[in-house]
Every structure is written in C-alpha cells, then in structure tokens.
Amino acid sequence: MLVFYATLCQTGNYYGKDVIVERKVIATYRSKSDTVFLNFEKPYPNQCFSAVIFKSNQANFAEKPEGYYLKKTLRIKGKIKDYQGKPEIILENSSQIEIGK
C-alpha cells in the first residue's frame, strides 16, 4: 500500500490504487442524502481530496462524523476513486481511519 506524502491534490494521479493519506480535516459537510464528506487541504468546492462516508456505513464510525473528525489529523486507508474530477476514498468501516497526533 502506497503511503502518500505529497500534496493531496496529486492523489488524482493514483486512481485505482490503495493508499494511506494523513492530513488534517479542513471542512466537513453532510448532504441531503446524509452522505458525510471530510475535506482535506481546502474546503469545498476547492478541496483537493475527500473521504466519503455514505449513510449506510455511518454506524461503523463515531456518531456525527462530520463534527467528530473536523479539524483532526486523520490517517485513512483505501482505494483512490474519481468523483466528478476530484479524488476521494470511500470509508466503509472504522478500520480505514485513525486519528493522528
């Protein structure tokens, strides 16, 4: 698994690869469909990278993850996917995420 140290804006070069990224959550958002977005490096719509928790997986994480993870440094693991030209990792369970120092 690739550990990603460069700017998260470059994660788009790694679509389909399993990576580990560690950065601070700058902003969060809960959509009308109850999908939670954890945005890194820059807030939406200028984020370089997001971690996404769908409603169906939220029971696997802290209650109200959009508040719990905000402003924390996280280490997340997963496959880089593309969503509307932006790289993201879909978080399905808590084993994919660790709170850093």
PDB file of N, CA and C in Angstrom:
ATOM      1  N   MET A   1       0.852  -1.183   0.000  1.00  0.00           N
ATOM      2  CA  MET A   1       0.000   0.000   0.000  1.00  0.00           C
ATOM      3  C   MET A   1       0.890   1.236   0.000  1.00  0.00           C
ATOM      4  N   LEU A   2       0.603   2.182  -0.850  1.00  0.00           N
ATOM      5  CA  LEU A   2       1.376   3.409  -1.000  1.00  0.00           C
ATOM      6  C   LEU A   2       1.030   4.382   0.125  1.00  0.00           C
ATOM      7  N   VAL A   3       2.042   4.902   0.810  1.00  0.00           N
ATOM      8  CA  VAL A   3       1.834   5.962   1.795  1.00  0.00           C
ATOM      9  C   VAL A   3       2.055   7.274   1.071  1.00  0.00           C
ATOM     10  N   PHE A   4       1.054   8.144   1.118  1.00  0.00           N
ATOM     11  CA  PHE A   4       1.066   9.364   0.320  1.00  0.00           C
ATOM     12  C   PHE A   4       1.534  10.544   1.154  1.00  0.00           C
ATOM     13  N   TYR A   5       2.657  11.147   0.761  1.00  0.00           N
ATOM     14  CA  TYR A   5       3.215  12.282   1.488  1.00  0.00           C
ATOM     15  C   TYR A   5       3.107  13.591   0.714  1.00  0.00           C
ATOM     16  N   ALA A   6       2.933  13.520  -0.578  1.00  0.00           N
ATOM     17  CA  ALA A   6       2.848  14.731  -1.404  1.00  0.00           C
ATOM     18  C   ALA A   6       1.523  15.441  -1.152  1.00  0.00           C
ATOM     19  N   THR A   7       1.337  16.562  -1.817  1.00  0.00           N
ATOM     20  CA  THR A   7       0.071  17.277  -1.687  1.00  0.00           C
ATOM     21  C   THR A   7      -1.084  16.374  -2.126  1.00  0.00           C
ATOM     22  N   LEU A   8      -2.182  16.464  -1.436  1.00  0.00           N
ATOM     23  CA  LEU A   8      -3.324  15.616  -1.768  1.00  0.00           C
ATOM     24  C   LEU A   8      -3.919  15.973  -3.120  1.00  0.00           C
ATOM     25  N   CYS A   9      -3.598  17.137  -3.650  1.00  0.00           N
ATOM     26  CA  CYS A   9      -4.065  17.483  -4.997  1.00  0.00           C
ATOM     27  C   CYS A   9      -3.480  16.534  -6.030  1.00  0.00           C
ATOM     28  N   GLN A  10      -2.391  15.850  -5.694  1.00  0.00           N
ATOM     29  CA  GLN A  10      -1.757  14.918  -6.623  1.00  0.00           C
ATOM     30  C   GLN A  10      -2.316  13.499  -6.508  1.00  0.00           C
ATOM     31  N   THR A  11      -3.234  13.249  -5.582  1.00  0.00           N
ATOM     32  CA  THR A  11      -3.767  11.897  -5.442  1.00  0.00           C
ATOM     33  C   THR A  11      -4.545  11.465  -6.678  1.00  0.00           C
ATOM     34  N   GLY A  12      -4.994  12.397  -7.480  1.00  0.00           N
ATOM     35  CA  GLY A  12      -5.686  12.067  -8.722  1.00  0.00           C
ATOM     36  C   GLY A  12      -4.809  11.284  -9.695  1.00  0.00           C
ATOM     37  N   ASN A  13      -3.501  11.294  -9.474  1.00  0.00           N
ATOM     38  CA  ASN A  13      -2.585  10.513 -10.303  1.00  0.00           C
ATOM     39  C   ASN A  13      -2.573   9.043  -9.902  1.00  0.00           C
ATOM     40  N   TYR A  14      -3.330   8.687  -8.856  1.00  0.00           N
ATOM     41  CA  TYR A  14      -3.285   7.340  -8.306  1.00  0.00           C
ATOM     42  C   TYR A  14      -4.650   6.654  -8.281  1.00  0.00           C
ATOM     43  N   TYR A  15      -5.538   7.041  -9.192  1.00  0.00           N
ATOM     44  CA  TYR A  15      -6.857   6.406  -9.252  1.00  0.00           C
ATOM     45  C   TYR A  15      -6.711   4.891  -9.350  1.00  0.00           C
ATOM     46  N   GLY A  16      -7.495   4.197  -8.550  1.00  0.00           N
ATOM     47  CA  GLY A  16      -7.478   2.737  -8.557  1.00  0.00           C
ATOM     48  C   GLY A  16      -6.426   2.118  -7.659  1.00  0.00           C
ATOM     49  N   LYS A  17      -5.579   2.927  -7.054  1.00  0.00           N
ATOM     50  CA  LYS A  17      -4.513   2.426  -6.173  1.00  0.00           C
ATOM     51  C   LYS A  17      -4.949   2.508  -4.707  1.00  0.00           C
ATOM     52  N   ASP A  18      -4.484   1.545  -3.918  1.00  0.00           N
ATOM     53  CA  ASP A  18      -4.691   1.586  -2.467  1.00  0.00           C
ATOM     54  C   ASP A  18      -3.607   2.459  -1.856  1.00  0.00           C
ATOM     55  N   VAL A  19      -4.010   3.443  -1.059  1.00  0.00           N
ATOM     56  CA  VAL A  19      -3.063   4.382  -0.463  1.00  0.00           C
ATOM     57  C   VAL A  19      -3.409   4.632   0.998  1.00  0.00           C
ATOM     58  N   ILE A  20      -2.456   5.238   1.687  1.00  0.00           N
ATOM     59  CA  ILE A  20      -2.665   5.776   3.029  1.00  0.00           C
ATOM     60  C   ILE A  20      -2.348   7.253   2.941  1.00  0.00           C
ATOM     61  N   VAL A  21      -3.260   8.089   3.415  1.00  0.00           N
ATOM     62  CA  VAL A  21      -3.007   9.529   3.468  1.00  0.00           C
ATOM     63  C   VAL A  21      -3.203  10.001   4.900  1.00  0.00           C
ATOM     64  N   GLU A  22      -2.412  10.977   5.292  1.00  0.00           N
ATOM     65  CA  GLU A  22      -2.530  11.551   6.632  1.00  0.00           C
ATOM     66  C   GLU A  22      -2.515  13.064   6.513  1.00  0.00           C
ATOM     67  N   ARG A  23      -3.627  13.649   6.848  1.00  0.00           N
ATOM     68  CA  ARG A  23      -3.769  15.108   6.773  1.00  0.00           C
ATOM     69  C   ARG A  23      -4.863  15.554   7.755  1.00  0.00           C
ATOM     70  N   LYS A  24      -4.941  16.870   7.917  1.00  0.00           N
ATOM     71  CA  LYS A  24      -5.957  17.479   8.776  1.00  0.00           C
ATOM     72  C   LYS A  24      -7.237  17.707   7.975  1.00  0.00           C
ATOM     73  N   VAL A  25      -8.371  17.418   8.612  1.00  0.00           N
ATOM     74  CA  VAL A  25      -9.677  17.679   8.003  1.00  0.00           C
ATOM     75  C   VAL A  25      -9.949  19.178   8.142  1.00  0.00           C
ATOM     76  N   ILE A  26     -10.058  19.853   7.019  1.00  0.00           N
ATOM     77  CA  ILE A  26     -10.251  21.303   6.991  1.00  0.00           C
ATOM     78  C   ILE A  26     -11.726  21.676   7.118  1.00  0.00           C
ATOM     79  N   ALA A  27     -12.580  20.889   6.470  1.00  0.00           N
ATOM     80  CA  ALA A  27     -14.020  21.183   6.468  1.00  0.00           C
ATOM     81  C   ALA A  27     -14.780  19.879   6.284  1.00  0.00           C
ATOM     82  N   THR A  28     -16.031  19.875   6.753  1.00  0.00           N
ATOM     83  CA  THR A  28     -16.896  18.709   6.585  1.00  0.00           C
ATOM     84  C   THR A  28     -18.254  19.163   6.071  1.00  0.00           C
ATOM     85  N   TYR A  29     -19.005  18.198   5.569  1.00  0.00           N
ATOM     86  CA  TYR A  29     -20.328  18.507   5.024  1.00  0.00           C
ATOM     87  C   TYR A  29     -21.192  17.257   5.078  1.00  0.00           C
ATOM     88  N   ARG A  30     -22.444  17.411   5.473  1.00  0.00           N
ATOM     89  CA  ARG A  30     -23.430  16.341   5.403  1.00  0.00           C
ATOM     90  C   ARG A  30     -24.455  16.731   4.348  1.00  0.00           C
ATOM     91  N   SER A  31     -24.602  15.904   3.326  1.00  0.00           N
ATOM     92  CA  SER A  31     -25.506  16.201   2.218  1.00  0.00           C
ATOM     93  C   SER A  31     -26.959  15.897   2.588  1.00  0.00           C
ATOM     94  N   LYS A  32     -27.866  16.267   1.707  1.00  0.00           N
ATOM     95  CA  LYS A  32     -29.297  15.977   1.921  1.00  0.00           C
ATOM     96  C   LYS A  32     -29.563  14.482   1.973  1.00  0.00           C
ATOM     97  N   SER A  33     -28.693  13.685   1.332  1.00  0.00           N
ATOM     98  CA  SER A  33     -28.849  12.226   1.350  1.00  0.00           C
ATOM     99  C   SER A  33     -28.099  11.592   2.530  1.00  0.00           C
ATOM    100  N   ASP A  34     -27.627  12.429   3.462  1.00  0.00           N
ATOM    101  CA  ASP A  34     -26.895  12.006   4.660  1.00  0.00           C
ATOM    102  C   ASP A  34     -25.523  11.401   4.372  1.00  0.00           C
ATOM    103  N   THR A  35     -24.938  11.741   3.241  1.00  0.00           N
ATOM    104  CA  THR A  35     -23.560  11.366   2.965  1.00  0.00           C
ATOM    105  C   THR A  35     -22.661  12.398   3.632  1.00  0.00           C
ATOM    106  N   VAL A  36     -21.611  11.926   4.322  1.00  0.00           N
ATOM    107  CA  VAL A  36     -20.681  12.828   5.005  1.00  0.00           C
ATOM    108  C   VAL A  36     -19.399  12.924   4.188  1.00  0.00           C
ATOM    109  N   PHE A  37     -18.955  14.156   3.985  1.00  0.00           N
ATOM    110  CA  PHE A  37     -17.723  14.438   3.267  1.00  0.00           C
ATOM    111  C   PHE A  37     -16.723  15.060   4.236  1.00  0.00           C
ATOM    112  N   LEU A  38     -15.539  14.480   4.306  1.00  0.00           N
ATOM    113  CA  LEU A  38     -14.435  15.032   5.074  1.00  0.00           C
ATOM    114  C   LEU A  38     -13.451  15.605   4.057  1.00  0.00           C
ATOM    115  N   ASN A  39     -13.298  16.922   4.047  1.00  0.00           N
ATOM    116  CA  ASN A  39     -12.470  17.581   3.044  1.00  0.00           C
ATOM    117  C   ASN A  39     -11.102  17.947   3.630  1.00  0.00           C
ATOM    118  N   PHE A  40     -10.067  17.647   2.863  1.00  0.00           N
ATOM    119  CA  PHE A  40      -8.695  17.852   3.290  1.00  0.00           C
ATOM    120  C   PHE A  40      -8.038  18.952   2.463  1.00  0.00           C
ATOM    121  N   GLU A  41      -7.118  19.674   3.061  1.00  0.00           N
ATOM    122  CA  GLU A  41      -6.292  20.740   2.488  1.00  0.00           C
ATOM    123  C   GLU A  41      -7.058  22.007   2.155  1.00  0.00           C
ATOM    124  N   LYS A  42      -8.236  21.893   1.524  1.00  0.00           N
ATOM    125  CA  LYS A  42      -9.041  23.076   1.191  1.00  0.00           C
ATOM    126  C   LYS A  42     -10.511  22.727   1.366  1.00  0.00           C
ATOM    127  N   PRO A  43     -11.356  23.708   1.743  1.00  0.00           N
ATOM    128  CA  PRO A  43     -12.786  23.419   1.858  1.00  0.00           C
ATOM    129  C   PRO A  43     -13.457  23.289   0.494  1.00  0.00           C
ATOM    130  N   TYR A  44     -14.615  22.631   0.478  1.00  0.00           N
ATOM    131  CA  TYR A  44     -15.453  22.518  -0.720  1.00  0.00           C
ATOM    132  C   TYR A  44     -15.800  23.911  -1.209  1.00  0.00           C
ATOM    133  N   PRO A  45     -15.792  24.185  -2.482  1.00  0.00           N
ATOM    134  CA  PRO A  45     -15.639  23.298  -3.635  1.00  0.00           C
ATOM    135  C   PRO A  45     -14.204  23.205  -4.147  1.00  0.00           C
ATOM    136  N   ASN A  46     -13.247  23.720  -3.392  1.00  0.00           N
ATOM    137  CA  ASN A  46     -11.851  23.731  -3.831  1.00  0.00           C
ATOM    138  C   ASN A  46     -11.013  22.624  -3.209  1.00  0.00           C
ATOM    139  N   GLN A  47     -11.676  21.661  -2.571  1.00  0.00           N
ATOM    140  CA  GLN A  47     -10.933  20.580  -1.925  1.00  0.00           C
ATOM    141  C   GLN A  47     -10.117  19.808  -2.949  1.00  0.00           C
ATOM    142  N   CYS A  48      -8.979  19.344  -2.503  1.00  0.00           N
ATOM    143  CA  CYS A  48      -8.119  18.515  -3.371  1.00  0.00           C
ATOM    144  C   CYS A  48      -8.456  17.048  -3.203  1.00  0.00           C
ATOM    145  N   PHE A  49      -9.074  16.718  -2.084  1.00  0.00           N
ATOM    146  CA  PHE A  49      -9.282  15.316  -1.738  1.00  0.00           C
ATOM    147  C   PHE A  49     -10.359  15.244  -0.664  1.00  0.00           C
ATOM    148  N   SER A  50     -11.200  14.206  -0.741  1.00  0.00           N
ATOM    149  CA  SER A  50     -12.243  13.987   0.263  1.00  0.00           C
ATOM    150  C   SER A  50     -12.273  12.528   0.679  1.00  0.00           C
ATOM    151  N   ALA A  51     -12.674  12.311   1.912  1.00  0.00           N
ATOM    152  CA  ALA A  51     -13.048  10.981   2.380  1.00  0.00           C
ATOM    153  C   ALA A  51     -14.566  11.013   2.512  1.00  0.00           C
ATOM    154  N   VAL A  52     -15.227   9.954   2.053  1.00  0.00           N
ATOM    155  CA  VAL A  52     -16.687   9.948   1.969  1.00  0.00           C
ATOM    156  C   VAL A  52     -17.239   8.794   2.797  1.00  0.00           C
ATOM    157  N   ILE A  53     -18.240   9.127   3.627  1.00  0.00           N
ATOM    158  CA  ILE A  53     -18.924   8.100   4.419  1.00  0.00           C
ATOM    159  C   ILE A  53     -20.396   8.138   4.036  1.00  0.00           C
ATOM    160  N   PHE A  54     -20.848   7.086   3.350  1.00  0.00           N
ATOM    161  CA  PHE A  54     -22.256   7.013   2.962  1.00  0.00           C
ATOM    162  C   PHE A  54     -23.124   6.682   4.167  1.00  0.00           C
ATOM    163  N   LYS A  55     -24.373   7.069   4.100  1.00  0.00           N
ATOM    164  CA  LYS A  55     -25.323   6.853   5.192  1.00  0.00           C
ATOM    165  C   LYS A  55     -25.329   5.396   5.648  1.00  0.00           C
ATOM    166  N   SER A  56     -25.264   4.467   4.714  1.00  0.00           N
ATOM    167  CA  SER A  56     -25.332   3.038   5.035  1.00  0.00           C
ATOM    168  C   SER A  56     -24.141   2.555   5.865  1.00  0.00           C
ATOM    169  N   ASN A  57     -23.054   3.319   5.886  1.00  0.00           N
ATOM    170  CA  ASN A  57     -21.862   2.920   6.641  1.00  0.00           C
ATOM    171  C   ASN A  57     -21.620   3.738   7.905  1.00  0.00           C
ATOM    172  N   GLN A  58     -22.450   4.745   8.171  1.00  0.00           N
ATOM    173  CA  GLN A  58     -22.168   5.659   9.267  1.00  0.00           C
ATOM    174  C   GLN A  58     -22.227   5.019  10.649  1.00  0.00           C
ATOM    175  N   ALA A  59     -22.944   3.932  10.803  1.00  0.00           N
ATOM    176  CA  ALA A  59     -22.996   3.239  12.102  1.00  0.00           C
ATOM    177  C   ALA A  59     -21.633   2.649  12.465  1.00  0.00           C
ATOM    178  N   ASN A  60     -20.748   2.531  11.492  1.00  0.00           N
ATOM    179  CA  ASN A  60     -19.414   1.977  11.716  1.00  0.00           C
ATOM    180  C   ASN A  60     -18.417   3.015  12.222  1.00  0.00           C
ATOM    181  N   PHE A  61     -18.855   4.264  12.372  1.00  0.00           N
ATOM    182  CA  PHE A  61     -17.976   5.359  12.759  1.00  0.00           C
ATOM    183  C   PHE A  61     -18.543   6.085  13.975  1.00  0.00           C
ATOM    184  N   ALA A  62     -17.794   7.060  14.446  1.00  0.00           N
ATOM    185  CA  ALA A  62     -18.250   7.896  15.557  1.00  0.00           C
ATOM    186  C   ALA A  62     -19.577   8.562  15.194  1.00  0.00           C
ATOM    187  N   GLU A  63     -20.398   8.793  16.209  1.00  0.00           N
ATOM    188  CA  GLU A  63     -21.665   9.488  15.977  1.00  0.00           C
ATOM    189  C   GLU A  63     -21.374  10.891  15.450  1.00  0.00           C
ATOM    190  N   LYS A  64     -22.140  11.311  14.462  1.00  0.00           N
ATOM    191  CA  LYS A  64     -21.962  12.605  13.796  1.00  0.00           C
ATOM    192  C   LYS A  64     -20.505  12.802  13.352  1.00  0.00           C
ATOM    193  N   PRO A  65     -20.054  11.977  12.417  1.00  0.00           N
ATOM    194  CA  PRO A  65     -18.648  12.041  11.998  1.00  0.00           C
ATOM    195  C   PRO A  65     -18.234  13.399  11.450  1.00  0.00           C
ATOM    196  N   GLU A  66     -19.185  14.151  10.904  1.00  0.00           N
ATOM    197  CA  GLU A  66     -18.834  15.465  10.351  1.00  0.00           C
ATOM    198  C   GLU A  66     -18.361  16.418  11.442  1.00  0.00           C
ATOM    199  N   GLY A  67     -18.789  16.241  12.659  1.00  0.00           N
ATOM    200  CA  GLY A  67     -18.307  17.052  13.781  1.00  0.00           C
ATOM    201  C   GLY A  67     -17.138  16.401  14.498  1.00  0.00           C
ATOM    202  N   TYR A  68     -17.201  15.108  14.650  1.00  0.00           N
ATOM    203  CA  TYR A  68     -16.178  14.373  15.392  1.00  0.00           C
ATOM    204  C   TYR A  68     -14.800  14.482  14.735  1.00  0.00           C
ATOM    205  N   TYR A  69     -14.727  14.392  13.413  1.00  0.00           N
ATOM    206  CA  TYR A  69     -13.445  14.388  12.717  1.00  0.00           C
ATOM    207  C   TYR A  69     -12.959  15.764  12.277  1.00  0.00           C
ATOM    208  N   LEU A  70     -13.814  16.777  12.375  1.00  0.00           N
ATOM    209  CA  LEU A  70     -13.454  18.127  11.941  1.00  0.00           C
ATOM    210  C   LEU A  70     -12.239  18.646  12.711  1.00  0.00           C
ATOM    211  N   LYS A  71     -11.282  19.182  11.975  1.00  0.00           N
ATOM    212  CA  LYS A  71     -10.047  19.790  12.494  1.00  0.00           C
ATOM    213  C   LYS A  71      -9.087  18.780  13.113  1.00  0.00           C
ATOM    214  N   LYS A  72      -9.342  17.488  12.913  1.00  0.00           N
ATOM    215  CA  LYS A  72      -8.431  16.462  13.411  1.00  0.00           C
ATOM    216  C   LYS A  72      -7.559  15.959  12.267  1.00  0.00           C
ATOM    217  N   THR A  73      -6.353  15.554  12.620  1.00  0.00           N
ATOM    218  CA  THR A  73      -5.471  14.920  11.646  1.00  0.00           C
ATOM    219  C   THR A  73      -5.853  13.449  11.582  1.00  0.00           C
ATOM    220  N   LEU A  74      -6.157  12.980  10.386  1.00  0.00           N
ATOM    221  CA  LEU A  74      -6.591  11.604  10.185  1.00  0.00           C
ATOM    222  C   LEU A  74      -5.628  10.871   9.277  1.00  0.00           C
ATOM    223  N   ARG A  75      -5.499   9.595   9.534  1.00  0.00           N
ATOM    224  CA  ARG A  75      -4.784   8.683   8.633  1.00  0.00           C
ATOM    225  C   ARG A  75      -5.848   7.751   8.083  1.00  0.00           C
ATOM    226  N   ILE A  76      -6.060   7.830   6.775  1.00  0.00           N
ATOM    227  CA  ILE A  76      -7.095   6.997   6.163  1.00  0.00           C
ATOM    228  C   ILE A  76      -6.478   6.084   5.115  1.00  0.00           C
ATOM    229  N   LYS A  77      -7.108   4.919   4.973  1.00  0.00           N
ATOM    230  CA  LYS A  77      -6.627   3.899   4.043  1.00  0.00           C
ATOM    231  C   LYS A  77      -7.748   3.542   3.089  1.00  0.00           C
ATOM    232  N   GLY A  78      -7.394   3.382   1.831  1.00  0.00           N
ATOM    233  CA  GLY A  78      -8.391   2.954   0.862  1.00  0.00           C
ATOM    234  C   GLY A  78      -7.950   3.183  -0.561  1.00  0.00           C
ATOM    235  N   LYS A  79      -8.846   2.874  -1.470  1.00  0.00           N
ATOM    236  CA  LYS A  79      -8.592   2.995  -2.909  1.00  0.00           C
ATOM    237  C   LYS A  79      -9.020   4.381  -3.383  1.00  0.00           C
ATOM    238  N   ILE A  80      -8.146   5.042  -4.129  1.00  0.00           N
ATOM    239  CA  ILE A  80      -8.459   6.359  -4.692  1.00  0.00           C
ATOM    240  C   ILE A  80      -9.466   6.185  -5.823  1.00  0.00           C
ATOM    241  N   LYS A  81     -10.571   6.909  -5.721  1.00  0.00           N
ATOM    242  CA  LYS A  81     -11.601   6.897  -6.758  1.00  0.00           C
ATOM    243  C   LYS A  81     -11.810   8.315  -7.261  1.00  0.00           C
ATOM    244  N   ASP A  82     -12.399   8.417  -8.426  1.00  0.00           N
ATOM    245  CA  ASP A  82     -12.703   9.711  -9.024  1.00  0.00           C
ATOM    246  C   ASP A  82     -14.186  10.000  -8.874  1.00  0.00           C
ATOM    247  N   TYR A  83     -14.516  11.202  -8.406  1.00  0.00           N
ATOM    248  CA  TYR A  83     -15.902  11.642  -8.396  1.00  0.00           C
ATOM    249  C   TYR A  83     -15.935  13.056  -8.953  1.00  0.00           C
ATOM    250  N   GLN A  84     -16.476  13.201 -10.126  1.00  0.00           N
ATOM    251  CA  GLN A  84     -16.593  14.491 -10.804  1.00  0.00           C
ATOM    252  C   GLN A  84     -15.252  15.226 -10.853  1.00  0.00           C
ATOM    253  N   GLY A  85     -14.205  14.473 -11.193  1.00  0.00           N
ATOM    254  CA  GLY A  85     -12.894  15.068 -11.372  1.00  0.00           C
ATOM    255  C   GLY A  85     -12.100  15.291 -10.101  1.00  0.00           C
ATOM    256  N   LYS A  86     -12.611  14.844  -8.966  1.00  0.00           N
ATOM    257  CA  LYS A  86     -11.916  15.018  -7.687  1.00  0.00           C
ATOM    258  C   LYS A  86     -11.609  13.651  -7.089  1.00  0.00           C
ATOM    259  N   PRO A  87     -10.408  13.465  -6.540  1.00  0.00           N
ATOM    260  CA  PRO A  87     -10.076  12.192  -5.905  1.00  0.00           C
ATOM    261  C   PRO A  87     -10.734  12.059  -4.535  1.00  0.00           C
ATOM    262  N   GLU A  88     -11.099  10.817  -4.206  1.00  0.00           N
ATOM    263  CA  GLU A  88     -11.715  10.547  -2.909  1.00  0.00           C
ATOM    264  C   GLU A  88     -11.453   9.101  -2.517  1.00  0.00           C
ATOM    265  N   ILE A  89     -11.630   8.837  -1.226  1.00  0.00           N
ATOM    266  CA  ILE A  89     -11.630   7.474  -0.701  1.00  0.00           C
ATOM    267  C   ILE A  89     -12.975   7.269  -0.023  1.00  0.00           C
ATOM    268  N   ILE A  90     -13.626   6.162  -0.341  1.00  0.00           N
ATOM    269  CA  ILE A  90     -14.885   5.795   0.312  1.00  0.00           C
ATOM    270  C   ILE A  90     -14.531   5.052   1.593  1.00  0.00           C
ATOM    271  N   LEU A  91     -15.010   5.548   2.721  1.00  0.00           N
ATOM    272  CA  LEU A  91     -14.779   4.906   4.010  1.00  0.00           C
ATOM    273  C   LEU A  91     -15.987   4.041   4.351  1.00  0.00           C
ATOM    274  N   GLU A  92     -15.742   2.751   4.524  1.00  0.00           N
ATOM    275  CA  GLU A  92     -16.819   1.814   4.823  1.00  0.00           C
ATOM    276  C   GLU A  92     -16.820   1.349   6.266  1.00  0.00           C
ATOM    277  N   ASN A  93     -15.640   1.330   6.908  1.00  0.00           N
ATOM    278  CA  ASN A  93     -15.591   0.909   8.304  1.00  0.00           C
ATOM    279  C   ASN A  93     -14.453   1.617   9.034  1.00  0.00           C
ATOM    280  N   SER A  94     -14.508   1.573  10.354  1.00  0.00           N
ATOM    281  CA  SER A  94     -13.571   2.337  11.174  1.00  0.00           C
ATOM    282  C   SER A  94     -12.136   1.831  11.074  1.00  0.00           C
ATOM    283  N   SER A  95     -11.914   0.635  10.552  1.00  0.00           N
ATOM    284  CA  SER A  95     -10.534   0.156  10.402  1.00  0.00           C
ATOM    285  C   SER A  95      -9.780   0.937   9.331  1.00  0.00           C
ATOM    286  N   GLN A  96     -10.479   1.735   8.544  1.00  0.00           N
ATOM    287  CA  GLN A  96      -9.850   2.533   7.496  1.00  0.00           C
ATOM    288  C   GLN A  96      -9.392   3.892   7.992  1.00  0.00           C
ATOM    289  N   ILE A  97      -9.667   4.218   9.257  1.00  0.00           N
ATOM    290  CA  ILE A  97      -9.399   5.573   9.728  1.00  0.00           C
ATOM    291  C   ILE A  97      -8.789   5.533  11.130  1.00  0.00           C
ATOM    292  N   GLU A  98      -7.753   6.365  11.307  1.00  0.00           N
ATOM    293  CA  GLU A  98      -7.117   6.532  12.615  1.00  0.00           C
ATOM    294  C   GLU A  98      -6.970   8.023  12.857  1.00  0.00           C
ATOM    295  N   ILE A  99      -7.119   8.415  14.099  1.00  0.00           N
ATOM    296  CA  ILE A  99      -6.892   9.811  14.463  1.00  0.00           C
ATOM    297  C   ILE A  99      -5.414   9.963  14.781  1.00  0.00           C
ATOM    298  N   GLY A 100      -4.768  10.919  14.126  1.00  0.00           N
ATOM    299  CA  GLY A 100      -3.341  11.167  14.320  1.00  0.00           C
ATOM    300  C   GLY A 100      -3.073  12.045  15.515  1.00  0.00           C
ATOM    301  N   LYS A 101      -1.836  12.440  15.631  1.00  0.00           N
ATOM    302  CA  LYS A 101      -1.403  13.274  16.768  1.00  0.00           C
ATOM    303  C   LYS A 101      -1.506  14.729  16.435  1.00  0.00           C
TER     304      LYS A 101
END
